[in-house]
Amino acid sequence: MKKLFLLILAVLMISGCSSKRVNNTFMITRDNTLYALYNQNGDKLTTYQYKTFEEVKDAGYIVTNDKDQVGFISLEGDEIIPFGEYETLSSSNQMLFATKKLNENQQVSKDPRYKEQNLYVINSEGDVLYSASQDVQIYKILDTGHSGAEF
C-alpha cells in the first residue's frame, strides 16, 4: 500500500512540475527589413510583416508595420491591438500607454489641471483601463529605482 501511495505521489509531482513549461518567443528577420515571430521550437507564428518590435515581458510585442503604424501582438502571435488604432504605444511592465491621433475636429483642452487628455492605459488583452480627462490624471512611474516621472 505504501509503494502504491509513493508511486502515485511521484507521478503527481512529476506531472505537476512539467505543466509549468515556459514557451519562449523571439523575432527573426531574413532580409534585415521585416521580422516574424517564432517560438522556441522553431515554429513561425506570424508572417514577416513587422518593421520594428519591442518586447513587453510576459505579455507580447509592440510592433510597427511598413507604414509605421503601431500595434500589439500576443506571445502566440495573435493581434491584440490592430495597426493604426493608436498613434503611439509604450509599455511599463505589462501595462501599455497609448495615444490616438486627433482629427481636426478634436481638440485637447488647455486646462492646466491635467497634462494630457489623449492618453490611455491598456492591459495586455487590449482593454482600456483608464483614459485621461479633466478629472483623471495619469502618471507613469519609472522602474529605475529613482523617483517617479510624469508621463
N, C-alpha and C. Protein backbone atom coordinates (compact mmCIF):
# COMPACT_ATOMS: atom_id res chain seq x y z
N MET A 1 0.82 -1.18 0.00
CA MET A 1 0.00 0.00 0.00
C MET A 1 0.87 1.26 0.00
N LYS A 2 1.95 1.23 0.78
CA LYS A 2 2.85 2.38 0.83
C LYS A 2 3.53 2.59 -0.52
N LYS A 3 3.88 1.50 -1.20
CA LYS A 3 4.53 1.62 -2.50
C LYS A 3 3.59 2.25 -3.52
N LEU A 4 2.33 1.86 -3.49
CA LEU A 4 1.34 2.44 -4.40
C LEU A 4 1.16 3.92 -4.10
N PHE A 5 1.10 4.30 -2.84
CA PHE A 5 0.97 5.69 -2.46
C PHE A 5 2.18 6.51 -2.93
N LEU A 6 3.39 5.96 -2.74
CA LEU A 6 4.60 6.66 -3.18
C LEU A 6 4.65 6.79 -4.70
N LEU A 7 4.20 5.75 -5.41
CA LEU A 7 4.17 5.81 -6.86
C LEU A 7 3.21 6.89 -7.35
N ILE A 8 2.03 6.96 -6.77
CA ILE A 8 1.06 7.99 -7.15
C ILE A 8 1.58 9.38 -6.81
N LEU A 9 2.20 9.52 -5.66
CA LEU A 9 2.78 10.80 -5.26
C LEU A 9 3.87 11.23 -6.23
N ALA A 10 4.73 10.30 -6.63
CA ALA A 10 5.82 10.61 -7.57
C ALA A 10 5.26 11.05 -8.92
N VAL A 11 4.24 10.36 -9.41
CA VAL A 11 3.63 10.72 -10.70
C VAL A 11 3.01 12.11 -10.62
N LEU A 12 2.33 12.40 -9.54
CA LEU A 12 1.73 13.72 -9.37
C LEU A 12 2.78 14.82 -9.32
N MET A 13 3.88 14.56 -8.64
CA MET A 13 4.95 15.56 -8.54
C MET A 13 5.59 15.79 -9.90
N ILE A 14 5.85 14.75 -10.63
CA ILE A 14 6.48 14.89 -11.95
C ILE A 14 5.55 15.60 -12.93
N SER A 15 4.31 15.19 -12.97
CA SER A 15 3.37 15.82 -13.90
C SER A 15 3.07 17.26 -13.51
N GLY A 16 3.03 17.56 -12.23
CA GLY A 16 2.80 18.93 -11.77
C GLY A 16 3.93 19.85 -12.13
N CYS A 17 5.15 19.39 -12.06
CA CYS A 17 6.30 20.22 -12.37
C CYS A 17 6.42 20.47 -13.87
N SER A 18 6.06 19.51 -14.68
CA SER A 18 6.23 19.66 -16.12
C SER A 18 5.15 20.54 -16.75
N SER A 19 4.06 20.81 -16.05
CA SER A 19 2.99 21.61 -16.62
C SER A 19 3.31 23.10 -16.64
N LYS A 20 4.35 23.52 -15.96
CA LYS A 20 4.72 24.93 -15.90
C LYS A 20 5.81 25.28 -16.90
N ARG A 21 5.84 24.62 -18.01
CA ARG A 21 6.85 24.84 -19.03
C ARG A 21 6.65 26.20 -19.68
N VAL A 22 7.72 26.99 -19.77
CA VAL A 22 7.66 28.31 -20.37
C VAL A 22 7.91 28.19 -21.87
N ASN A 23 7.10 28.87 -22.65
CA ASN A 23 7.26 28.87 -24.09
C ASN A 23 7.86 30.21 -24.50
N ASN A 24 9.13 30.23 -24.87
CA ASN A 24 9.81 31.45 -25.25
C ASN A 24 9.55 31.78 -26.71
N THR A 25 9.47 33.08 -27.00
CA THR A 25 9.31 33.55 -28.37
C THR A 25 10.39 34.56 -28.69
N PHE A 26 10.63 34.77 -29.98
CA PHE A 26 11.64 35.73 -30.43
C PHE A 26 11.33 36.14 -31.85
N MET A 27 11.90 37.27 -32.26
CA MET A 27 11.70 37.80 -33.61
C MET A 27 12.92 37.45 -34.47
N ILE A 28 12.65 37.10 -35.72
CA ILE A 28 13.71 36.77 -36.69
C ILE A 28 13.45 37.56 -37.96
N THR A 29 14.53 38.00 -38.60
CA THR A 29 14.43 38.66 -39.89
C THR A 29 15.25 37.87 -40.91
N ARG A 30 14.80 37.87 -42.15
CA ARG A 30 15.55 37.23 -43.22
C ARG A 30 16.29 38.26 -44.05
N ASP A 31 15.76 39.46 -44.13
CA ASP A 31 16.32 40.48 -45.03
C ASP A 31 16.72 41.76 -44.30
N ASN A 32 16.81 41.73 -42.99
CA ASN A 32 17.13 42.90 -42.16
C ASN A 32 16.13 44.05 -42.34
N THR A 33 14.93 43.72 -42.82
CA THR A 33 13.89 44.74 -43.03
C THR A 33 12.64 44.42 -42.25
N LEU A 34 12.09 43.21 -42.44
CA LEU A 34 10.85 42.82 -41.77
C LEU A 34 11.09 41.61 -40.88
N TYR A 35 10.38 41.56 -39.75
CA TYR A 35 10.54 40.50 -38.75
C TYR A 35 9.28 39.64 -38.68
N ALA A 36 9.48 38.41 -38.21
CA ALA A 36 8.37 37.49 -37.93
C ALA A 36 8.60 36.92 -36.54
N LEU A 37 7.52 36.49 -35.89
CA LEU A 37 7.59 35.92 -34.55
C LEU A 37 7.73 34.40 -34.64
N TYR A 38 8.68 33.85 -33.90
CA TYR A 38 8.91 32.41 -33.82
C TYR A 38 8.87 31.98 -32.37
N ASN A 39 8.58 30.69 -32.13
CA ASN A 39 8.66 30.16 -30.77
C ASN A 39 9.93 29.34 -30.61
N GLN A 40 10.16 28.83 -29.40
CA GLN A 40 11.40 28.10 -29.10
C GLN A 40 11.53 26.80 -29.86
N ASN A 41 10.45 26.29 -30.42
CA ASN A 41 10.50 25.06 -31.22
C ASN A 41 10.83 25.35 -32.67
N GLY A 42 10.98 26.62 -33.03
CA GLY A 42 11.28 26.99 -34.41
C GLY A 42 10.04 27.17 -35.27
N ASP A 43 8.86 27.14 -34.67
CA ASP A 43 7.62 27.33 -35.43
C ASP A 43 7.40 28.81 -35.69
N LYS A 44 7.10 29.17 -36.95
CA LYS A 44 6.80 30.56 -37.30
C LYS A 44 5.36 30.86 -36.92
N LEU A 45 5.15 31.87 -36.06
CA LEU A 45 3.83 32.21 -35.55
C LEU A 45 3.16 33.32 -36.34
N THR A 46 3.94 34.15 -37.04
CA THR A 46 3.40 35.24 -37.86
C THR A 46 4.16 35.30 -39.17
N THR A 47 3.67 36.11 -40.09
CA THR A 47 4.39 36.34 -41.33
C THR A 47 5.44 37.42 -41.10
N TYR A 48 6.33 37.60 -42.07
CA TYR A 48 7.34 38.66 -41.99
C TYR A 48 6.66 39.98 -42.33
N GLN A 49 6.18 40.69 -41.30
CA GLN A 49 5.43 41.92 -41.52
C GLN A 49 5.79 43.05 -40.57
N TYR A 50 6.68 42.83 -39.62
CA TYR A 50 6.96 43.83 -38.59
C TYR A 50 8.26 44.55 -38.88
N LYS A 51 8.16 45.88 -38.96
CA LYS A 51 9.34 46.71 -39.22
C LYS A 51 10.17 46.88 -37.95
N THR A 52 9.50 47.11 -36.83
CA THR A 52 10.18 47.20 -35.53
C THR A 52 9.38 46.43 -34.50
N PHE A 53 10.03 46.13 -33.38
CA PHE A 53 9.33 45.44 -32.29
C PHE A 53 9.95 45.81 -30.97
N GLU A 54 9.15 45.76 -29.92
CA GLU A 54 9.61 45.97 -28.55
C GLU A 54 8.89 44.94 -27.69
N GLU A 55 9.65 44.12 -26.99
CA GLU A 55 9.03 43.08 -26.15
C GLU A 55 8.44 43.69 -24.89
N VAL A 56 7.24 43.26 -24.57
CA VAL A 56 6.59 43.60 -23.30
C VAL A 56 6.61 42.30 -22.50
N LYS A 57 7.46 42.24 -21.50
CA LYS A 57 7.75 41.00 -20.77
C LYS A 57 6.49 40.25 -20.36
N ASP A 58 6.44 38.97 -20.71
CA ASP A 58 5.36 38.05 -20.37
C ASP A 58 3.99 38.46 -20.92
N ALA A 59 3.96 39.36 -21.92
CA ALA A 59 2.67 39.80 -22.45
C ALA A 59 2.62 39.75 -23.98
N GLY A 60 3.66 40.22 -24.66
CA GLY A 60 3.65 40.25 -26.12
C GLY A 60 4.66 41.23 -26.66
N TYR A 61 4.33 41.80 -27.82
CA TYR A 61 5.25 42.71 -28.50
C TYR A 61 4.49 43.92 -29.04
N ILE A 62 5.07 45.11 -28.83
CA ILE A 62 4.63 46.30 -29.52
C ILE A 62 5.35 46.27 -30.86
N VAL A 63 4.59 46.34 -31.95
CA VAL A 63 5.18 46.20 -33.28
C VAL A 63 4.73 47.34 -34.19
N THR A 64 5.52 47.62 -35.22
CA THR A 64 5.12 48.56 -36.26
C THR A 64 5.16 47.85 -37.60
N ASN A 65 4.31 48.30 -38.51
CA ASN A 65 4.31 47.74 -39.84
C ASN A 65 5.09 48.64 -40.80
N ASP A 66 5.09 48.31 -42.09
CA ASP A 66 5.85 49.08 -43.06
C ASP A 66 5.30 50.49 -43.28
N LYS A 67 4.10 50.78 -42.78
CA LYS A 67 3.51 52.12 -42.86
C LYS A 67 3.74 52.90 -41.58
N ASP A 68 4.58 52.36 -40.69
CA ASP A 68 4.89 52.95 -39.38
C ASP A 68 3.67 53.08 -38.48
N GLN A 69 2.67 52.23 -38.68
CA GLN A 69 1.53 52.15 -37.77
C GLN A 69 1.89 51.20 -36.65
N VAL A 70 1.46 51.51 -35.44
CA VAL A 70 1.81 50.72 -34.27
C VAL A 70 0.65 49.79 -33.90
N GLY A 71 1.02 48.60 -33.38
CA GLY A 71 0.04 47.62 -32.92
C GLY A 71 0.64 46.79 -31.81
N PHE A 72 -0.12 45.82 -31.32
CA PHE A 72 0.35 44.96 -30.24
C PHE A 72 -0.07 43.52 -30.54
N ILE A 73 0.87 42.57 -30.42
CA ILE A 73 0.57 41.16 -30.62
C ILE A 73 0.91 40.38 -29.36
N SER A 74 0.23 39.26 -29.17
CA SER A 74 0.48 38.39 -28.02
C SER A 74 1.72 37.55 -28.27
N LEU A 75 2.14 36.81 -27.26
CA LEU A 75 3.29 35.91 -27.39
C LEU A 75 2.99 34.76 -28.34
N GLU A 76 1.72 34.53 -28.63
CA GLU A 76 1.32 33.47 -29.57
C GLU A 76 1.19 34.02 -30.99
N GLY A 77 1.39 35.33 -31.16
CA GLY A 77 1.30 35.95 -32.48
C GLY A 77 -0.07 36.48 -32.83
N ASP A 78 -1.02 36.44 -31.90
CA ASP A 78 -2.37 36.95 -32.15
C ASP A 78 -2.38 38.48 -32.05
N GLU A 79 -3.11 39.13 -32.95
CA GLU A 79 -3.22 40.57 -32.93
C GLU A 79 -4.15 41.00 -31.80
N ILE A 80 -3.63 41.74 -30.84
CA ILE A 80 -4.41 42.22 -29.71
C ILE A 80 -4.91 43.65 -29.99
N ILE A 81 -4.00 44.53 -30.42
CA ILE A 81 -4.35 45.90 -30.81
C ILE A 81 -3.98 46.04 -32.28
N PRO A 82 -4.96 46.25 -33.15
CA PRO A 82 -4.68 46.34 -34.59
C PRO A 82 -3.82 47.56 -34.93
N PHE A 83 -3.09 47.44 -36.04
CA PHE A 83 -2.30 48.55 -36.53
C PHE A 83 -3.19 49.76 -36.80
N GLY A 84 -2.73 50.94 -36.36
CA GLY A 84 -3.43 52.17 -36.66
C GLY A 84 -4.52 52.56 -35.66
N GLU A 85 -4.87 51.68 -34.72
CA GLU A 85 -5.88 52.05 -33.73
C GLU A 85 -5.37 53.16 -32.82
N TYR A 86 -4.08 53.11 -32.49
CA TYR A 86 -3.45 54.14 -31.67
C TYR A 86 -2.26 54.72 -32.43
N GLU A 87 -1.97 55.98 -32.15
CA GLU A 87 -0.84 56.63 -32.79
C GLU A 87 0.48 56.22 -32.13
N THR A 88 0.48 56.10 -30.79
CA THR A 88 1.68 55.68 -30.08
C THR A 88 1.32 54.60 -29.07
N LEU A 89 2.29 53.74 -28.80
CA LEU A 89 2.18 52.73 -27.74
C LEU A 89 3.53 52.64 -27.05
N SER A 90 3.52 52.61 -25.73
CA SER A 90 4.72 52.35 -24.95
C SER A 90 4.32 51.46 -23.79
N SER A 91 5.31 50.88 -23.12
CA SER A 91 4.97 49.94 -22.06
C SER A 91 5.71 50.25 -20.77
N SER A 92 5.10 49.80 -19.69
CA SER A 92 5.72 49.79 -18.38
C SER A 92 5.24 48.50 -17.73
N ASN A 93 6.17 47.57 -17.55
CA ASN A 93 5.83 46.22 -17.12
C ASN A 93 4.84 45.63 -18.13
N GLN A 94 3.65 45.23 -17.71
CA GLN A 94 2.69 44.65 -18.64
C GLN A 94 1.56 45.61 -18.98
N MET A 95 1.72 46.87 -18.65
CA MET A 95 0.72 47.88 -18.95
C MET A 95 1.18 48.66 -20.18
N LEU A 96 0.23 49.07 -21.01
CA LEU A 96 0.53 49.84 -22.20
C LEU A 96 -0.03 51.25 -22.05
N PHE A 97 0.73 52.23 -22.52
CA PHE A 97 0.28 53.61 -22.57
C PHE A 97 0.10 53.95 -24.04
N ALA A 98 -1.04 54.54 -24.41
CA ALA A 98 -1.34 54.81 -25.81
C ALA A 98 -1.90 56.21 -25.99
N THR A 99 -1.70 56.75 -27.17
CA THR A 99 -2.35 57.98 -27.59
C THR A 99 -2.98 57.74 -28.95
N LYS A 100 -4.07 58.45 -29.22
CA LYS A 100 -4.74 58.37 -30.52
C LYS A 100 -4.43 59.63 -31.31
N LYS A 101 -4.45 59.48 -32.63
CA LYS A 101 -4.28 60.65 -33.48
C LYS A 101 -5.58 61.43 -33.48
N LEU A 102 -5.49 62.72 -33.24
CA LEU A 102 -6.67 63.57 -33.21
C LEU A 102 -6.93 64.13 -34.61
N ASN A 103 -8.20 64.17 -35.01
CA ASN A 103 -8.52 64.81 -36.29
C ASN A 103 -8.75 66.29 -36.05
N GLU A 104 -9.01 67.04 -37.12
CA GLU A 104 -9.11 68.50 -36.97
C GLU A 104 -10.31 68.95 -36.14
N ASN A 105 -11.33 68.10 -35.97
CA ASN A 105 -12.49 68.46 -35.16
C ASN A 105 -12.27 68.24 -33.67
N GLN A 106 -11.26 67.45 -33.33
CA GLN A 106 -10.99 67.17 -31.92
C GLN A 106 -9.92 68.11 -31.40
N GLN A 107 -10.13 68.61 -30.22
CA GLN A 107 -9.16 69.49 -29.60
C GLN A 107 -8.90 69.02 -28.18
N VAL A 108 -7.66 69.10 -27.79
CA VAL A 108 -7.28 68.78 -26.42
C VAL A 108 -7.36 70.08 -25.63
N SER A 109 -8.04 70.03 -24.51
CA SER A 109 -8.21 71.20 -23.67
C SER A 109 -6.86 71.70 -23.16
N LYS A 110 -6.76 72.99 -23.02
CA LYS A 110 -5.53 73.61 -22.48
C LYS A 110 -5.63 73.82 -20.98
N ASP A 111 -6.58 73.15 -20.35
CA ASP A 111 -6.79 73.27 -18.91
C ASP A 111 -5.51 72.86 -18.18
N PRO A 112 -4.95 73.72 -17.31
CA PRO A 112 -3.69 73.40 -16.64
C PRO A 112 -3.81 72.32 -15.57
N ARG A 113 -5.03 71.86 -15.25
CA ARG A 113 -5.19 70.84 -14.22
C ARG A 113 -4.69 69.48 -14.67
N TYR A 114 -4.55 69.27 -15.95
CA TYR A 114 -4.03 68.00 -16.42
C TYR A 114 -3.18 68.21 -17.65
N LYS A 115 -2.23 67.32 -17.82
CA LYS A 115 -1.23 67.49 -18.85
C LYS A 115 -1.67 66.94 -20.19
N GLU A 116 -2.30 65.81 -20.20
CA GLU A 116 -2.60 65.10 -21.44
C GLU A 116 -4.00 64.50 -21.37
N GLN A 117 -4.85 64.88 -22.30
CA GLN A 117 -6.20 64.33 -22.34
C GLN A 117 -6.25 63.11 -23.25
N ASN A 118 -5.37 63.03 -24.18
CA ASN A 118 -5.36 61.97 -25.18
C ASN A 118 -4.40 60.86 -24.76
N LEU A 119 -4.63 60.28 -23.58
CA LEU A 119 -3.74 59.24 -23.07
C LEU A 119 -4.59 58.11 -22.48
N TYR A 120 -4.21 56.88 -22.80
CA TYR A 120 -4.96 55.70 -22.37
C TYR A 120 -4.03 54.70 -21.71
N VAL A 121 -4.51 54.02 -20.69
CA VAL A 121 -3.80 52.91 -20.06
C VAL A 121 -4.54 51.64 -20.48
N ILE A 122 -3.79 50.70 -21.07
CA ILE A 122 -4.38 49.50 -21.66
C ILE A 122 -3.70 48.27 -21.06
N ASN A 123 -4.47 47.22 -20.79
CA ASN A 123 -3.85 45.98 -20.29
C ASN A 123 -3.38 45.12 -21.47
N SER A 124 -2.76 43.99 -21.16
CA SER A 124 -2.17 43.14 -22.20
C SER A 124 -3.20 42.42 -23.05
N GLU A 125 -4.49 42.51 -22.70
CA GLU A 125 -5.56 41.94 -23.52
C GLU A 125 -6.15 42.99 -24.46
N GLY A 126 -5.67 44.23 -24.38
CA GLY A 126 -6.15 45.29 -25.26
C GLY A 126 -7.31 46.09 -24.71
N ASP A 127 -7.67 45.86 -23.45
CA ASP A 127 -8.78 46.59 -22.83
C ASP A 127 -8.30 47.91 -22.24
N VAL A 128 -9.03 48.99 -22.50
CA VAL A 128 -8.70 50.30 -21.92
C VAL A 128 -9.12 50.28 -20.46
N LEU A 129 -8.16 50.50 -19.58
CA LEU A 129 -8.44 50.53 -18.15
C LEU A 129 -8.74 51.95 -17.67
N TYR A 130 -7.99 52.92 -18.20
CA TYR A 130 -8.15 54.31 -17.81
C TYR A 130 -7.91 55.19 -19.03
N SER A 131 -8.59 56.31 -19.07
CA SER A 131 -8.30 57.32 -20.08
C SER A 131 -8.22 58.67 -19.37
N ALA A 132 -7.25 59.47 -19.76
CA ALA A 132 -7.06 60.77 -19.13
C ALA A 132 -8.21 61.71 -19.49
N SER A 133 -8.55 62.56 -18.55
CA SER A 133 -9.60 63.55 -18.76
C SER A 133 -9.36 64.71 -17.81
N GLN A 134 -10.30 65.62 -17.76
CA GLN A 134 -10.16 66.73 -16.83
C GLN A 134 -10.17 66.23 -15.39
N ASP A 135 -10.80 65.09 -15.15
CA ASP A 135 -10.91 64.55 -13.80
C ASP A 135 -9.87 63.47 -13.49
N VAL A 136 -9.23 62.92 -14.51
CA VAL A 136 -8.28 61.82 -14.32
C VAL A 136 -6.92 62.19 -14.88
N GLN A 137 -5.92 62.23 -14.02
CA GLN A 137 -4.54 62.45 -14.44
C GLN A 137 -3.81 61.12 -14.40
N ILE A 138 -2.99 60.86 -15.39
CA ILE A 138 -2.24 59.60 -15.46
C ILE A 138 -0.76 59.92 -15.32
N TYR A 139 -0.11 59.22 -14.40
CA TYR A 139 1.32 59.36 -14.19
C TYR A 139 1.97 58.01 -14.41
N LYS A 140 3.10 58.02 -15.05
CA LYS A 140 3.87 56.80 -15.29
C LYS A 140 5.07 56.82 -14.35
N ILE A 141 5.18 55.80 -13.50
CA ILE A 141 6.29 55.71 -12.56
C ILE A 141 7.35 54.81 -13.18
N LEU A 142 8.56 55.30 -13.26
CA LEU A 142 9.65 54.53 -13.85
C LEU A 142 10.16 53.49 -12.88
N ASP A 143 10.51 52.31 -13.37
CA ASP A 143 11.03 51.22 -12.55
C ASP A 143 12.55 51.25 -12.47
N THR A 144 13.14 52.41 -12.31
CA THR A 144 14.59 52.52 -12.31
C THR A 144 15.17 52.67 -10.91
N GLY A 145 14.31 52.69 -9.90
CA GLY A 145 14.78 52.88 -8.54
C GLY A 145 14.88 54.35 -8.18
N HIS A 146 14.66 55.23 -9.16
CA HIS A 146 14.67 56.66 -8.91
C HIS A 146 13.24 57.11 -8.62
N SER A 147 13.09 58.39 -8.36
CA SER A 147 11.76 58.92 -8.12
C SER A 147 10.93 58.85 -9.38
N GLY A 148 9.63 58.91 -9.23
CA GLY A 148 8.70 58.79 -10.36
C GLY A 148 8.79 59.96 -11.32
N ALA A 149 8.39 59.74 -12.53
CA ALA A 149 8.37 60.78 -13.54
C ALA A 149 6.98 60.88 -14.12
N GLU A 150 6.58 62.07 -14.44
CA GLU A 150 5.25 62.27 -15.02
C GLU A 150 5.30 61.93 -16.49
N PHE A 151 4.27 61.27 -16.98
CA PHE A 151 4.20 60.88 -18.39
C PHE A 151 3.49 61.93 -19.18
